[in-house]
Amino acid sequence: MRYFVQTLAIGLSLISTSLLAHDMVPAAPQNQAIVISNATVHTVTNGVLASTDVRIEAGNIVEIGSQLATEDAQVIDATGKHLYPGLIALNTSIGLVEVEMMRPSNDSYEVGQSNPQLLAVSAFNPDSEIIPTVRVNGITHAQVVPQGNALAGQSSLVSLDSWTIEDALVVTPKQFHLYWPTQGRLAIDDEKRQQQLKQYHQQLESIKSALQDGYRYYLAANANKIDKIDNRWQAMLPLYQGQGQLFIHADSSEQIEQAIAITTPYRFKLVIVGGYDAWRVAEQLNEIGASVIYPHTLSLPMRKDEPIEMSFKVPNLLKQAGLPFALGFSSDWNARNLPFAAGQAAAYGLSQDEALKSITLDAAKILGIDDMGAIAVGYKANILLSSGDILDPLSSKIEAVFIDGRQIDLNNRQQQLYQKYLKR
């Protein structure tokens, strides 16, 4: 029996190890200018330009126009094709989860209520088998987010083509994540109902206490009166100093209003993640300059009495309410459906341009980045070439992806298996 258990453990370990790495080699730095010619360019910032050239040098877009010089450049003929900015997937666990049902390959969650010092990216696996399957749909960057209770840690933006974590990291303001407690359906029994309410109140008080402790530590740091460093509150100093953002995971109006009331005294820069009801409390959110990451476009309605298409309509409701927002997709491998979520939002009120912007430029802005998410001079050359509309699952066919001017290998495990079984 002992031999069987040991053999099984070794076998599972080998399987887990084989699943954790892909064999696509990261692209080398760009060493020659590239001109993509005669494309339909979806700039995001300047509309759609027909039959236009884009010149890339040293990982940046340096020129956009007609009949650009090509003597010293690699030329890619994009006649009849579409050029888009690379897509930015927000609120994902890409690189943290390999197989959801295998606990050893899931590093997205940490126990405890106050872990603001934890960096989700420290567990990021740049060799994840999931990454090539995601970027083949045009996703060049992902926000890697910790999961947990209350103050769960910090997220980071990463490139999806790198050798190491250090190579992958994109510099942004600090990103702290706070998961707001949810109040489930109350029990009919009075005693049980009171227990539920008490537990929920305790969770709120715990959040208040943590934020107050962090603020007192911040005041002590300003006065040079810290006798003993506390890693939790030391990590949160940028947030109190206005150099970071607090991402609050909340969906209902009640949760969002509670979050605003409790955090307003600290003047945090807030981003509501979830935000199903954010349009209902838009006045309060606009007053404090908050943004929204909405990841539910392809989900069922939150309430039974809502129309089946309610989740599809929320992005347009956010737009009408004047709230800065971007679309996300809270998943690992399933984040590849991000462009199709934007397409669904376009079918229910957003324009095509607004839908594309919600997964490119608007996503970059929410993360505090000003040189990604558009095809414009001075921006990073994170772009993708497609023979069809990338927001349409029927016509989308991405032929090339560039990250910082480097053309990425679009091979992946699914394509390898497809080719394998063609030969059967």
Protein backbone atom coordinates (compact mmCIF):
# COMPACT_ATOMS: atom_id res chain seq x y z
CA MET A 1 0.00 0.00 0.00
CA ARG A 2 2.82 2.37 0.92
CA TYR A 3 4.53 1.62 -2.42
CA PHE A 4 1.30 2.40 -4.29
CA VAL A 5 0.88 5.75 -2.49
CA GLN A 6 4.49 6.72 -3.14
CA THR A 7 4.22 5.73 -6.81
CA LEU A 8 0.98 7.67 -7.18
CA ALA A 9 2.53 10.75 -5.54
CA ILE A 10 5.54 10.61 -7.86
CA GLY A 11 3.28 10.16 -10.87
CA LEU A 12 1.11 13.12 -9.95
CA SER A 13 4.20 15.22 -9.36
CA LEU A 14 5.55 14.39 -12.81
CA ILE A 15 2.20 15.12 -14.43
CA SER A 16 1.94 18.42 -12.57
CA THR A 17 5.46 19.39 -13.62
CA SER A 18 4.77 18.59 -17.29
CA LEU A 19 1.66 20.74 -17.21
CA LEU A 20 3.44 23.76 -15.79
CA ALA A 21 5.65 24.62 -18.77
CA HIS A 22 5.22 25.26 -22.47
CA ASP A 23 7.99 24.98 -25.05
CA MET A 24 7.43 28.22 -26.98
CA VAL A 25 10.61 30.29 -26.83
CA PRO A 26 10.13 33.99 -25.96
CA ALA A 27 10.88 36.29 -28.87
CA ALA A 28 14.21 38.13 -29.04
CA PRO A 29 14.28 41.94 -28.68
CA GLN A 30 13.45 43.84 -31.86
CA ASN A 31 16.65 44.60 -33.78
CA GLN A 32 15.24 45.79 -37.10
CA ALA A 33 12.57 48.29 -38.01
CA ILE A 34 9.22 46.83 -39.06
CA VAL A 35 6.71 48.45 -41.39
CA ILE A 36 3.22 46.97 -41.47
CA SER A 37 1.76 48.30 -44.69
CA ASN A 38 -1.71 48.90 -46.14
CA ALA A 39 -3.59 47.80 -43.03
CA THR A 40 -6.94 48.92 -41.71
CA VAL A 41 -5.62 50.45 -38.49
CA HIS A 42 -7.88 50.57 -35.44
CA THR A 43 -6.01 53.29 -33.58
CA VAL A 44 -8.49 53.64 -30.67
CA THR A 45 -7.34 57.25 -30.21
CA ASN A 46 -7.85 58.48 -33.78
CA GLY A 47 -10.55 56.32 -35.29
CA VAL A 48 -10.06 53.70 -38.00
CA LEU A 49 -7.52 54.48 -40.74
CA ALA A 50 -7.82 52.66 -44.07
CA SER A 51 -4.77 51.55 -46.13
CA THR A 52 -2.31 52.87 -43.58
CA ASP A 53 1.30 51.99 -42.71
CA VAL A 54 2.69 51.65 -39.19
CA ARG A 55 6.44 51.77 -38.50
CA ILE A 56 7.92 50.14 -35.40
CA GLU A 57 11.42 50.72 -34.04
CA ALA A 58 13.00 49.51 -30.79
CA GLY A 59 9.66 48.29 -29.49
CA ASN A 60 7.79 51.54 -30.07
CA ILE A 61 5.46 52.93 -32.71
CA VAL A 62 7.40 55.75 -34.36
CA GLU A 63 5.37 56.65 -37.45
CA ILE A 64 1.86 56.22 -38.86
CA GLY A 65 0.95 57.26 -42.40
CA SER A 66 0.94 56.33 -46.07
CA GLN A 67 3.88 55.02 -48.09
CA LEU A 68 6.34 55.09 -45.21
CA ALA A 69 10.03 54.47 -45.95
CA THR A 70 10.85 50.74 -46.02
CA GLU A 71 14.49 50.55 -47.22
CA ASP A 72 15.89 49.48 -43.84
CA ALA A 73 12.82 47.67 -42.55
CA GLN A 74 11.12 44.31 -42.56
CA VAL A 75 7.89 44.83 -44.49
CA ILE A 76 4.66 43.01 -43.63
CA ASP A 77 1.97 43.37 -46.27
CA ALA A 78 -1.34 43.74 -44.41
CA THR A 79 -3.56 44.49 -47.38
CA GLY A 80 -7.14 43.55 -46.51
CA LYS A 81 -6.24 42.92 -42.88
CA HIS A 82 -6.90 44.70 -39.60
CA LEU A 83 -4.34 46.05 -37.13
CA TYR A 84 -5.39 46.40 -33.49
CA PRO A 85 -3.71 47.34 -30.20
CA GLY A 86 -2.82 44.38 -27.99
CA LEU A 87 -5.56 43.45 -25.54
CA ILE A 88 -5.12 43.89 -21.79
CA ALA A 89 -6.87 41.27 -19.64
CA LEU A 90 -7.84 42.68 -16.25
CA ASN A 91 -8.61 40.79 -13.04
CA THR A 92 -7.15 37.44 -14.11
CA SER A 93 -5.33 34.54 -12.47
CA ILE A 94 -3.27 33.79 -15.58
CA GLY A 95 0.05 32.25 -14.56
CA LEU A 96 -1.19 31.55 -11.03
CA VAL A 97 -3.47 28.64 -11.90
CA GLU A 98 -2.57 25.74 -14.16
CA VAL A 99 -5.18 23.10 -13.35
CA GLU A 100 -7.98 24.43 -11.15
CA MET A 101 -8.76 21.06 -9.56
CA MET A 102 -5.12 20.42 -8.60
CA ARG A 103 -4.31 22.40 -5.46
CA PRO A 104 -0.50 22.24 -5.99
CA SER A 105 -0.92 24.12 -9.28
CA ASN A 106 -3.21 26.84 -7.89
CA ASP A 107 -1.34 29.74 -6.27
CA SER A 108 -4.03 32.39 -6.53
CA TYR A 109 -5.32 32.28 -2.94
CA GLU A 110 -3.80 32.95 0.47
CA VAL A 111 -5.37 32.47 3.90
CA GLY A 112 -5.88 35.33 6.35
CA GLN A 113 -7.71 38.66 6.41
CA SER A 114 -4.85 41.18 6.12
CA ASN A 115 -2.16 40.34 3.56
CA PRO A 116 -1.51 43.63 1.74
CA GLN A 117 2.20 42.81 1.61
CA LEU A 118 1.71 39.74 -0.58
CA LEU A 119 2.58 40.05 -4.28
CA ALA A 120 0.55 37.76 -6.52
CA VAL A 121 3.19 38.05 -9.23
CA SER A 122 5.73 36.29 -6.99
CA ALA A 123 3.86 33.08 -7.86
CA PHE A 124 3.45 33.94 -11.55
CA ASN A 125 4.63 31.20 -13.92
CA PRO A 126 5.82 32.73 -17.23
CA ASP A 127 6.02 29.21 -18.69
CA SER A 128 2.38 28.39 -18.01
CA GLU A 129 0.75 26.25 -20.73
CA ILE A 130 -2.26 28.56 -20.48
CA ILE A 131 -0.39 31.66 -21.66
CA PRO A 132 0.06 30.63 -25.35
CA THR A 133 -3.63 29.65 -25.56
CA VAL A 134 -4.63 33.10 -24.30
CA ARG A 135 -2.36 35.28 -26.40
CA VAL A 136 -3.47 33.56 -29.62
CA ASN A 137 -6.71 35.53 -29.10
CA GLY A 138 -4.80 38.81 -29.02
CA ILE A 139 -4.15 39.24 -25.31
CA THR A 140 -0.64 40.62 -24.87
CA HIS A 141 -0.78 41.64 -21.20
CA ALA A 142 -2.64 40.51 -18.10
CA GLN A 143 -3.29 41.89 -14.65
CA VAL A 144 -2.38 39.06 -12.28
CA VAL A 145 -4.66 39.40 -9.25
CA PRO A 146 -4.58 37.68 -5.84
CA GLN A 147 -7.73 36.09 -4.48
CA GLY A 148 -8.69 35.85 -0.83
CA ASN A 149 -10.57 37.55 1.95
CA ALA A 150 -10.49 41.27 2.81
CA LEU A 151 -6.99 42.66 2.05
CA ALA A 152 -5.75 39.86 -0.21
CA GLY A 153 -2.54 41.39 -1.54
CA GLN A 154 -1.23 43.25 -4.58
CA SER A 155 -1.67 42.63 -8.30
CA SER A 156 0.72 43.38 -11.15
CA LEU A 157 0.57 43.83 -14.91
CA VAL A 158 2.66 41.32 -16.86
CA SER A 159 3.66 40.74 -20.45
CA LEU A 160 2.59 37.34 -21.79
CA ASP A 161 5.91 36.60 -23.46
CA SER A 162 8.88 36.46 -21.11
CA TRP A 163 11.63 34.28 -19.72
CA THR A 164 11.24 35.36 -16.09
CA ILE A 165 8.93 37.27 -13.76
CA GLU A 166 11.31 40.23 -13.94
CA ASP A 167 11.08 40.25 -17.75
CA ALA A 168 7.29 40.09 -17.58
CA LEU A 169 6.64 42.93 -15.13
CA VAL A 170 5.26 46.24 -16.41
CA VAL A 171 5.76 49.18 -14.06
CA THR A 172 2.46 50.60 -12.73
CA PRO A 173 1.30 52.36 -9.57
CA LYS A 174 0.79 49.92 -6.68
CA GLN A 175 -2.40 47.87 -6.91
CA PHE A 176 -3.99 46.69 -3.63
CA HIS A 177 -7.02 44.37 -3.56
CA LEU A 178 -9.80 44.38 -0.99
CA TYR A 179 -12.56 41.78 -1.24
CA TRP A 180 -15.74 43.20 0.25
CA PRO A 181 -17.78 40.73 2.33
CA THR A 182 -21.05 39.49 0.86
CA GLN A 183 -24.31 39.22 2.73
CA GLY A 184 -26.02 36.02 1.64
CA ARG A 185 -29.72 35.32 1.74
CA LEU A 186 -30.90 35.72 5.32
CA ALA A 187 -32.35 32.70 7.10
CA ILE A 188 -36.01 32.60 8.08
CA ASP A 189 -35.11 31.47 11.59
CA ASP A 190 -34.57 34.58 13.71
CA GLU A 191 -31.60 33.18 15.63
CA LYS A 192 -29.76 32.11 12.50
CA ARG A 193 -30.55 35.42 10.83
CA GLN A 194 -29.08 37.34 13.76
CA GLN A 195 -25.95 35.19 13.59
CA GLN A 196 -25.58 35.98 9.88
CA LEU A 197 -25.97 39.72 10.49
CA LYS A 198 -23.50 39.60 13.38
CA GLN A 199 -20.92 37.79 11.27
CA TYR A 200 -21.32 40.29 8.43
CA HIS A 201 -20.97 43.21 10.85
CA GLN A 202 -17.82 41.65 12.28
CA GLN A 203 -16.33 41.37 8.80
CA LEU A 204 -17.02 45.06 8.16
CA GLU A 205 -15.49 46.03 11.48
CA SER A 206 -12.41 43.96 10.65
CA ILE A 207 -11.95 45.94 7.43
CA LYS A 208 -12.41 49.25 9.25
CA SER A 209 -9.88 48.21 11.86
CA ALA A 210 -7.30 47.16 9.26
CA LEU A 211 -7.60 50.46 7.37
CA GLN A 212 -7.33 52.41 10.63
CA ASP A 213 -4.24 50.45 11.66
CA GLY A 214 -2.68 51.16 8.29
CA TYR A 215 -3.48 54.86 8.61
CA ARG A 216 -1.98 55.10 12.10
CA TYR A 217 1.16 53.40 10.80
CA TYR A 218 1.27 55.92 7.94
CA LEU A 219 1.04 58.83 10.41
CA ALA A 220 3.78 57.29 12.56
CA ALA A 221 5.99 56.83 9.48
CA ASN A 222 5.53 60.50 8.56
CA ALA A 223 6.55 61.47 12.09
CA ASN A 224 9.54 59.06 12.09
CA LYS A 225 8.09 57.29 15.14
CA ILE A 226 7.97 53.68 13.99
CA ASP A 227 9.71 51.49 16.55
CA LYS A 228 8.99 48.16 14.85
CA ILE A 229 8.32 47.63 11.15
CA ASP A 230 5.09 45.82 10.34
CA ASN A 231 5.36 44.38 6.82
CA ARG A 232 1.62 44.65 6.24
CA TRP A 233 1.29 48.37 6.87
CA GLN A 234 4.73 49.16 5.51
CA ALA A 235 3.57 47.70 2.19
CA MET A 236 0.44 49.87 2.27
CA LEU A 237 2.24 53.19 2.70
CA PRO A 238 2.06 54.02 -1.06
CA LEU A 239 -1.72 53.68 -0.89
CA TYR A 240 -2.03 56.26 1.90
CA GLN A 241 0.52 58.45 0.13
CA GLY A 242 -1.64 58.57 -3.00
CA GLN A 243 0.85 56.53 -5.03
CA GLY A 244 -1.31 53.42 -5.36
CA GLN A 245 -4.86 52.32 -6.03
CA LEU A 246 -7.32 50.25 -4.02
CA PHE A 247 -9.23 47.71 -6.09
CA ILE A 248 -12.42 46.86 -4.19
CA HIS A 249 -14.17 43.69 -5.31
CA ALA A 250 -17.88 44.42 -4.91
CA ASP A 251 -21.02 44.03 -7.01
CA SER A 252 -24.17 45.16 -5.21
CA SER A 253 -25.19 48.75 -4.57
CA GLU A 254 -25.07 48.11 -0.83
CA GLN A 255 -21.50 46.79 -0.97
CA ILE A 256 -20.30 49.67 -3.14
CA GLU A 257 -21.95 52.31 -0.92
CA GLN A 258 -20.43 50.72 2.19
CA ALA A 259 -17.01 50.67 0.52
CA ILE A 260 -17.29 54.35 -0.42
CA ALA A 261 -18.37 55.34 3.09
CA ILE A 262 -15.58 53.44 4.84
CA THR A 263 -12.72 54.39 2.50
CA THR A 264 -13.60 58.02 1.68
CA PRO A 265 -11.85 59.46 4.79
CA TYR A 266 -8.54 58.11 3.46
CA ARG A 267 -8.99 59.59 -0.05
CA PHE A 268 -7.89 56.42 -1.77
CA LYS A 269 -7.95 56.13 -5.55
CA LEU A 270 -10.70 53.52 -5.93
CA VAL A 271 -11.38 50.97 -8.64
CA ILE A 272 -14.52 48.87 -8.22
CA VAL A 273 -13.98 45.34 -9.54
CA GLY A 274 -17.22 43.58 -10.37
CA GLY A 275 -19.42 46.65 -10.34
CA TYR A 276 -22.64 44.94 -11.44
CA ASP A 277 -24.64 47.71 -9.75
CA ALA A 278 -22.04 50.46 -10.19
CA TRP A 279 -24.23 52.35 -12.68
CA ARG A 280 -26.92 52.57 -9.99
CA VAL A 281 -24.55 54.48 -7.67
CA ALA A 282 -22.72 56.37 -10.41
CA GLU A 283 -23.19 59.76 -8.75
CA GLN A 284 -21.30 58.70 -5.63
CA LEU A 285 -18.56 56.97 -7.65
CA ASN A 286 -18.10 59.93 -10.00
CA GLU A 287 -17.90 62.26 -7.03
CA ILE A 288 -14.80 60.49 -5.73
CA GLY A 289 -13.32 59.83 -9.20
CA ALA A 290 -13.62 56.05 -9.04
CA SER A 291 -13.32 53.64 -11.99
CA VAL A 292 -14.91 50.26 -12.66
CA ILE A 293 -13.61 46.94 -13.98
CA TYR A 294 -16.63 44.97 -15.16
CA PRO A 295 -15.95 41.21 -15.64
CA HIS A 296 -19.53 39.85 -15.94
CA THR A 297 -20.37 40.53 -19.59
CA LEU A 298 -20.83 36.85 -20.43
CA SER A 299 -22.43 35.93 -17.08
CA LEU A 300 -26.00 35.25 -16.07
CA PRO A 301 -27.93 38.06 -14.30
CA MET A 302 -27.14 38.53 -10.61
CA ARG A 303 -30.84 38.49 -9.65
CA LYS A 304 -33.60 36.10 -10.65
CA ASP A 305 -36.07 38.85 -11.53
CA GLU A 306 -33.74 40.58 -13.99
CA PRO A 307 -33.90 40.10 -17.78
CA ILE A 308 -31.59 37.42 -19.14
CA GLU A 309 -29.58 40.01 -21.10
CA MET A 310 -28.97 42.27 -18.09
CA SER A 311 -25.28 41.38 -17.75
CA PHE A 312 -24.75 42.22 -21.43
CA LYS A 313 -26.26 45.69 -21.00
CA VAL A 314 -24.26 46.85 -17.98
CA PRO A 315 -21.24 48.16 -19.97
CA ASN A 316 -23.52 50.52 -21.90
CA LEU A 317 -25.23 51.56 -18.65
CA LEU A 318 -21.80 52.39 -17.21
CA LYS A 319 -21.04 54.43 -20.33
CA GLN A 320 -24.34 56.32 -20.07
CA ALA A 321 -23.65 57.03 -16.39
CA GLY A 322 -20.32 58.65 -17.31
CA LEU A 323 -18.26 56.16 -15.29
CA PRO A 324 -14.71 55.36 -16.47
CA PHE A 325 -14.68 51.61 -16.97
CA ALA A 326 -12.94 48.70 -18.65
CA LEU A 327 -13.99 45.13 -19.27
CA GLY A 328 -12.25 42.27 -17.51
CA PHE A 329 -12.56 38.51 -17.45
CA SER A 330 -12.07 36.91 -14.04
CA SER A 331 -10.43 33.66 -15.02
CA ASP A 332 -7.23 31.98 -16.11
CA TRP A 333 -7.57 30.04 -19.41
CA ASN A 334 -11.08 31.39 -19.99
CA ALA A 335 -9.68 34.94 -20.15
CA ARG A 336 -9.10 34.21 -23.84
CA ASN A 337 -12.80 35.10 -24.32
CA LEU A 338 -12.15 38.75 -23.40
CA PRO A 339 -12.49 40.09 -27.00
CA PHE A 340 -15.77 38.23 -27.43
CA ALA A 341 -17.10 39.71 -24.18
CA ALA A 342 -16.37 43.13 -25.69
CA GLY A 343 -18.19 42.04 -28.83
CA GLN A 344 -21.19 41.05 -26.74
CA ALA A 345 -21.17 44.48 -25.06
CA ALA A 346 -21.10 46.04 -28.54
CA ALA A 347 -24.18 44.03 -29.47
CA TYR A 348 -26.01 45.49 -26.47
CA GLY A 349 -25.37 49.20 -26.67
CA LEU A 350 -21.67 50.04 -26.87
CA SER A 351 -20.25 51.09 -30.22
CA GLN A 352 -17.53 48.90 -31.79
CA ASP A 353 -14.95 51.59 -31.01
CA GLU A 354 -16.05 51.88 -27.38
CA ALA A 355 -16.01 48.10 -26.95
CA LEU A 356 -12.47 47.86 -28.34
CA LYS A 357 -11.36 50.77 -26.17
CA SER A 358 -12.74 49.03 -23.06
CA ILE A 359 -10.20 46.20 -23.42
CA THR A 360 -7.25 48.29 -24.62
CA LEU A 361 -6.80 51.99 -23.82
CA ASP A 362 -9.35 52.18 -20.99
CA ALA A 363 -7.80 49.13 -19.34
CA ALA A 364 -4.35 50.75 -19.53
CA LYS A 365 -5.65 54.02 -18.09
CA ILE A 366 -7.25 52.29 -15.11
CA LEU A 367 -3.85 50.75 -14.31
CA GLY A 368 -2.15 54.14 -14.61
CA ILE A 369 -0.32 53.45 -17.89
CA ASP A 370 -0.12 56.13 -20.59
CA ASP A 371 1.81 54.39 -23.40
CA MET A 372 -0.23 51.23 -24.03
CA GLY A 373 -3.64 50.34 -25.43
CA ALA A 374 -3.59 52.34 -28.67
CA ILE A 375 -1.83 52.53 -32.02
CA ALA A 376 -0.28 55.98 -31.78
CA VAL A 377 3.18 57.49 -32.11
CA GLY A 378 5.15 57.05 -28.89
CA TYR A 379 3.11 54.08 -27.71
CA LYS A 380 4.52 50.61 -27.09
CA ALA A 381 4.31 48.38 -30.15
CA ASN A 382 1.86 45.94 -28.59
CA ILE A 383 -0.23 45.17 -31.65
CA LEU A 384 -1.98 42.33 -33.43
CA LEU A 385 -2.83 41.60 -37.02
CA SER A 386 -6.08 39.86 -37.91
CA SER A 387 -7.84 38.92 -41.11
CA GLY A 388 -11.22 39.63 -39.47
CA ASP A 389 -13.00 41.44 -36.66
CA ILE A 390 -11.35 40.39 -33.38
CA LEU A 391 -14.56 41.07 -31.44
CA ASP A 392 -16.46 38.52 -33.54
CA PRO A 393 -15.78 34.84 -32.74
CA LEU A 394 -16.92 33.83 -36.23
CA SER A 395 -14.54 36.06 -38.19
CA SER A 396 -11.67 36.66 -35.76
CA LYS A 397 -8.46 35.14 -37.08
CA ILE A 398 -5.33 36.59 -35.54
CA GLU A 399 -2.29 36.00 -37.72
CA ALA A 400 0.45 37.87 -35.83
CA VAL A 401 0.98 39.31 -32.36
CA PHE A 402 3.72 41.77 -31.40
CA ILE A 403 4.75 42.61 -27.84
CA ASP A 404 7.17 45.55 -27.58
CA GLY A 405 7.86 45.10 -31.29
CA ARG A 406 8.75 41.41 -30.94
CA GLN A 407 6.71 38.99 -33.04
CA ILE A 408 5.40 36.26 -30.76
CA ASP A 409 5.22 32.54 -31.48
CA LEU A 410 1.49 31.75 -31.74
CA ASN A 411 1.95 28.01 -31.44
CA ASN A 412 0.26 26.39 -28.42
CA ARG A 413 -0.72 23.07 -26.94
CA GLN A 414 -4.13 22.97 -28.66
CA GLN A 415 -2.58 23.51 -32.08
CA GLN A 416 0.06 20.86 -31.38
CA LEU A 417 -2.62 18.34 -30.41
CA TYR A 418 -4.65 19.26 -33.50
CA GLN A 419 -1.67 18.59 -35.75
CA LYS A 420 -0.90 15.38 -33.86
CA TYR A 421 -4.35 13.87 -34.35
CA LEU A 422 -4.51 14.90 -38.01
CA LYS A 423 -1.82 12.25 -38.52
CA ARG A 424 -3.70 9.48 -36.74
